[in-house]
N, C-alpha and C. Protein backbone atom coordinates (compact mmCIF):
# COMPACT_ATOMS: atom_id res chain seq x y z
N MET A 1 -0.03 9.94 19.68
CA MET A 1 -0.74 9.40 18.79
C MET A 1 -1.99 9.60 18.48
N TYR A 2 -2.85 10.07 17.36
CA TYR A 2 -3.77 10.14 16.73
C TYR A 2 -4.60 8.52 15.88
N SER A 3 -6.17 9.29 16.13
CA SER A 3 -7.27 8.37 15.65
C SER A 3 -8.00 9.44 15.24
N PHE A 4 -8.36 8.50 14.03
CA PHE A 4 -9.57 9.35 12.88
C PHE A 4 -10.03 8.01 12.40
N GLN A 5 -11.52 8.60 12.00
CA GLN A 5 -12.61 7.82 11.28
C GLN A 5 -12.08 7.77 10.01
N PHE A 6 -12.49 7.36 8.78
CA PHE A 6 -12.60 7.84 6.83
C PHE A 6 -13.35 7.49 6.47
N GLU A 7 -14.18 7.65 5.41
CA GLU A 7 -14.99 7.24 4.14
C GLU A 7 -14.89 7.61 2.68
N VAL A 8 -14.58 6.98 1.71
CA VAL A 8 -13.98 7.51 0.85
C VAL A 8 -15.10 7.08 0.29
N LEU A 9 -15.18 8.22 -0.82
CA LEU A 9 -16.19 7.73 -2.21
C LEU A 9 -15.74 8.37 -3.54
N GLY A 10 -16.70 7.66 -4.42
CA GLY A 10 -15.82 6.88 -5.58
C GLY A 10 -15.57 5.58 -6.28
N LYS A 11 -14.86 5.90 -6.77
CA LYS A 11 -14.23 4.52 -7.70
C LYS A 11 -13.75 3.59 -6.61
N VAL A 12 -14.03 2.68 -5.80
CA VAL A 12 -13.23 2.72 -4.45
C VAL A 12 -13.59 1.10 -4.31
N GLN A 13 -14.05 0.51 -5.20
CA GLN A 13 -14.56 -0.58 -4.87
C GLN A 13 -14.06 -1.83 -6.01
N GLY A 14 -13.65 -2.94 -6.07
CA GLY A 14 -13.28 -3.59 -7.20
C GLY A 14 -11.98 -3.05 -7.97
N VAL A 15 -11.18 -2.29 -6.98
CA VAL A 15 -10.76 -1.71 -7.58
C VAL A 15 -9.22 -2.11 -6.48
N TYR A 16 -9.01 -3.07 -5.92
CA TYR A 16 -8.36 -3.41 -4.66
C TYR A 16 -8.30 -2.39 -3.46
N PHE A 17 -8.58 -1.18 -3.27
CA PHE A 17 -8.64 -0.51 -2.88
C PHE A 17 -8.48 -0.45 -0.72
N ARG A 18 -8.96 -1.54 -0.46
CA ARG A 18 -8.96 -2.02 0.98
C ARG A 18 -7.54 -2.78 0.84
N LYS A 19 -7.05 -3.40 0.18
CA LYS A 19 -5.28 -4.06 0.38
C LYS A 19 -4.57 -2.72 0.10
N TYR A 20 -4.72 -2.17 -0.70
CA TYR A 20 -3.45 -0.93 -1.08
C TYR A 20 -3.69 0.28 0.36
N THR A 21 -4.78 0.17 0.67
CA THR A 21 -5.26 0.84 1.83
C THR A 21 -4.37 -0.04 3.53
N GLN A 22 -4.48 -0.70 3.02
CA GLN A 22 -3.57 -1.95 4.19
C GLN A 22 -2.28 -1.88 4.08
N LEU A 23 -1.35 -1.81 2.54
CA LEU A 23 -0.43 -1.83 2.56
C LEU A 23 0.50 -0.43 3.13
N LYS A 24 -0.43 0.70 2.93
CA LYS A 24 -0.29 2.06 3.11
C LYS A 24 0.18 2.34 4.81
N ALA A 25 -1.11 1.55 5.43
CA ALA A 25 -1.26 1.59 6.94
C ALA A 25 0.42 1.08 7.73
N GLN A 26 0.29 -0.49 6.82
CA GLN A 26 1.40 -1.35 7.61
C GLN A 26 2.81 -0.20 7.21
N GLU A 27 2.71 0.03 6.15
CA GLU A 27 4.50 0.74 5.52
C GLU A 27 3.90 2.60 6.77
N LEU A 28 3.53 2.54 7.04
CA LEU A 28 2.93 4.19 7.93
C LEU A 28 2.89 3.72 9.23
N ASP A 29 2.98 1.93 9.76
CA ASP A 29 3.13 2.01 10.93
C ASP A 29 1.84 1.88 11.50
N LEU A 30 0.92 2.41 11.53
CA LEU A 30 -0.44 2.11 11.78
C LEU A 30 -1.30 1.37 12.20
N VAL A 31 -2.18 1.32 12.75
CA VAL A 31 -3.22 0.02 12.85
C VAL A 31 -4.55 0.06 12.88
N GLY A 32 -5.42 -0.56 12.58
CA GLY A 32 -6.85 -0.05 12.40
C GLY A 32 -7.81 -1.05 12.16
N TRP A 33 -8.68 -0.80 10.72
CA TRP A 33 -9.29 -1.86 9.82
C TRP A 33 -9.58 -0.54 8.66
N VAL A 34 -10.29 -1.28 7.47
CA VAL A 34 -10.61 -0.99 6.90
C VAL A 34 -11.75 -1.91 5.93
N GLN A 35 -13.16 -1.82 5.30
CA GLN A 35 -14.30 -2.29 4.52
C GLN A 35 -14.80 -1.84 4.13
N ASN A 36 -15.58 -2.29 2.90
CA ASN A 36 -16.77 -1.80 1.75
C ASN A 36 -17.57 -1.46 2.80
N THR A 37 -18.51 -0.22 1.92
CA THR A 37 -19.54 -0.50 2.46
C THR A 37 -20.65 -1.05 1.53
N LYS A 38 -22.02 -0.85 2.05
CA LYS A 38 -22.98 -2.01 0.85
C LYS A 38 -23.48 -0.66 -0.35
N GLN A 39 -23.20 0.91 0.65
CA GLN A 39 -23.20 1.67 -0.53
C GLN A 39 -22.22 2.63 -1.34
N GLY A 40 -21.37 1.65 -1.66
CA GLY A 40 -20.23 1.39 -2.61
C GLY A 40 -19.32 2.23 -2.03
N THR A 41 -19.34 3.00 -0.89
CA THR A 41 -17.84 3.60 -0.11
C THR A 41 -16.85 2.24 0.49
N VAL A 42 -16.25 3.68 0.77
CA VAL A 42 -15.00 2.80 2.01
C VAL A 42 -14.75 3.20 3.08
N ILE A 43 -14.84 2.64 4.54
CA ILE A 43 -14.62 2.93 5.82
C ILE A 43 -13.70 2.31 6.37
N GLY A 44 -13.35 3.04 7.33
CA GLY A 44 -12.17 2.65 8.51
C GLY A 44 -11.69 3.46 8.91
N ILE A 45 -10.98 2.84 10.45
CA ILE A 45 -10.28 3.86 11.04
C ILE A 45 -8.88 3.34 11.60
N ALA A 46 -8.09 5.04 11.65
CA ALA A 46 -6.63 4.59 11.37
C ALA A 46 -5.84 4.79 12.97
N GLN A 47 -5.10 4.44 13.82
CA GLN A 47 -4.07 5.03 14.79
C GLN A 47 -2.76 4.95 14.80
N GLY A 48 -2.55 5.96 14.58
CA GLY A 48 -0.69 5.94 15.07
C GLY A 48 -0.02 7.17 15.62
N ARG A 49 1.58 6.97 14.92
CA ARG A 49 1.67 8.49 14.78
C ARG A 49 1.63 9.11 13.39
N ARG A 50 1.82 8.21 11.93
CA ARG A 50 1.65 9.11 11.12
C ARG A 50 0.87 9.53 10.44
N THR A 51 -0.87 9.58 10.96
CA THR A 51 -1.89 10.01 10.48
C THR A 51 -2.08 10.43 9.42
N ASN A 52 -1.62 11.66 9.51
CA ASN A 52 -1.78 12.84 8.57
C ASN A 52 -1.12 12.21 7.05
N GLU A 53 0.08 11.42 7.12
CA GLU A 53 0.46 10.33 5.69
C GLU A 53 -0.77 9.73 5.41
N LEU A 54 -1.97 9.36 6.03
CA LEU A 54 -2.65 8.87 5.09
C LEU A 54 -3.35 9.08 4.84
N LYS A 55 -3.79 10.19 5.38
CA LYS A 55 -4.67 10.85 5.10
C LYS A 55 -4.96 11.56 3.71
N GLU A 56 -3.46 11.92 3.57
CA GLU A 56 -3.61 12.67 2.52
C GLU A 56 -3.56 11.18 1.03
N TRP A 57 -2.92 9.81 1.28
CA TRP A 57 -3.05 9.03 0.42
C TRP A 57 -4.05 8.76 0.34
N LEU A 58 -5.01 9.19 0.88
CA LEU A 58 -6.44 8.47 1.28
C LEU A 58 -7.45 9.62 0.07
N LYS A 59 -6.52 10.70 0.53
CA LYS A 59 -7.77 11.97 -0.69
C LYS A 59 -7.14 12.08 -1.53
N HIS A 60 -5.67 11.59 -2.60
CA HIS A 60 -5.42 11.86 -3.36
C HIS A 60 -4.34 10.71 -4.03
N THR A 61 -4.45 9.50 -3.76
CA THR A 61 -3.47 8.56 -4.36
C THR A 61 -4.73 7.42 -4.39
N GLY A 62 -5.17 7.01 -3.53
CA GLY A 62 -5.42 5.40 -3.56
C GLY A 62 -4.79 4.40 -3.81
N SER A 63 -5.85 3.36 -4.46
CA SER A 63 -5.13 2.24 -4.93
C SER A 63 -5.00 2.44 -6.85
N PRO A 64 -3.97 2.26 -7.43
CA PRO A 64 -3.95 2.37 -8.66
C PRO A 64 -4.98 2.51 -9.59
N LYS A 65 -6.78 2.25 -9.64
CA LYS A 65 -7.23 2.13 -10.71
C LYS A 65 -8.46 2.55 -9.51
N SER A 66 -8.51 3.12 -8.69
CA SER A 66 -9.33 3.85 -7.60
C SER A 66 -9.78 5.22 -8.79
N VAL A 67 -11.18 5.87 -8.16
CA VAL A 67 -11.22 7.20 -8.56
C VAL A 67 -11.34 7.93 -6.98
N ILE A 68 -11.30 8.98 -6.81
CA ILE A 68 -11.60 9.07 -5.32
C ILE A 68 -11.75 10.41 -5.79
N LYS A 69 -13.52 10.72 -5.43
CA LYS A 69 -14.64 11.96 -5.52
C LYS A 69 -14.13 12.30 -4.63
N LYS A 70 -14.63 11.79 -3.18
CA LYS A 70 -14.54 12.56 -2.04
C LYS A 70 -13.78 11.72 -0.96
N THR A 71 -13.35 12.36 0.57
CA THR A 71 -12.62 11.75 1.28
C THR A 71 -13.35 12.43 2.44
N ASP A 72 -14.51 11.78 3.31
CA ASP A 72 -14.24 12.27 4.74
C ASP A 72 -14.27 11.95 6.13
N PHE A 73 -13.02 12.58 6.78
CA PHE A 73 -12.82 12.26 7.59
C PHE A 73 -13.55 13.07 9.42
N LYS A 74 -13.46 11.74 10.40
CA LYS A 74 -14.23 12.41 11.82
C LYS A 74 -13.98 11.92 12.70
N ASN A 75 -14.33 12.52 14.14
CA ASN A 75 -13.54 11.90 15.16
C ASN A 75 -11.67 11.73 14.94
N ASP A 76 -11.51 13.11 14.84
CA ASP A 76 -9.68 13.32 14.42
C ASP A 76 -9.65 13.13 16.60
N LYS A 77 -8.38 12.36 16.75
CA LYS A 77 -8.71 12.58 18.07
C LYS A 77 -7.42 12.35 18.63
N ILE A 78 -6.62 12.58 19.69
CA ILE A 78 -5.17 12.21 20.42
C ILE A 78 -5.37 11.03 21.71
N ILE A 79 -5.11 9.52 21.23
CA ILE A 79 -5.08 8.80 22.08
C ILE A 79 -3.91 8.59 22.90
N ASP A 80 -4.03 8.12 23.96
CA ASP A 80 -2.71 7.75 24.74
C ASP A 80 -2.31 5.98 24.02
N GLU A 81 -3.51 5.68 23.59
CA GLU A 81 -2.66 4.22 23.62
C GLU A 81 -3.59 3.41 22.60
N LEU A 82 -3.02 2.68 21.57
CA LEU A 82 -3.38 1.85 20.48
C LEU A 82 -4.86 1.16 20.69
N GLU A 83 -5.75 0.61 20.41
CA GLU A 83 -6.95 -0.35 20.35
C GLU A 83 -6.80 -1.12 19.73
N TYR A 84 -5.80 -1.19 19.06
CA TYR A 84 -6.15 -2.37 17.33
C TYR A 84 -4.53 -3.20 17.45
N ASP A 85 -4.00 -4.00 17.28
CA ASP A 85 -2.92 -4.90 17.00
C ASP A 85 -2.51 -4.40 15.94
N GLN A 86 -2.72 -4.43 14.73
CA GLN A 86 -2.40 -4.55 13.35
C GLN A 86 -3.68 -3.78 12.07
N PHE A 87 -3.45 -3.37 11.43
CA PHE A 87 -4.57 -3.17 10.50
C PHE A 87 -5.13 -3.99 9.24
N ASP A 88 -6.43 -4.40 9.62
CA ASP A 88 -6.95 -5.11 9.27
C ASP A 88 -8.40 -4.93 7.71
N ILE A 89 -8.23 -5.74 7.36
CA ILE A 89 -9.50 -5.29 5.98
C ILE A 89 -10.68 -6.28 6.52
N ILE A 90 -11.65 -5.75 6.64
CA ILE A 90 -13.12 -6.43 7.14
C ILE A 90 -13.75 -6.70 5.96
N LYS A 91 -14.06 -8.07 5.91
CA LYS A 91 -14.81 -8.76 4.64
C LYS A 91 -16.22 -8.35 5.14
């Protein structure tokens, strides 16, 4: 299993980006969380087996009305067990 952190820059707030990210993560059986930042970006952590599919989605797709300018990934690592039970939106 894999784990990574992400930050998405662009028009990603006010366009249901967190909700669509949660739905995509659930579709891929991933756990973790997503939240808005005061800087106007979206950050989060995802864990599971199909993390590369979520990375591609975060880089190129996003929510229907979002405009993704840049997506940063960090702390990519292999993990022995999941640290979360589900994929949450943090308010």
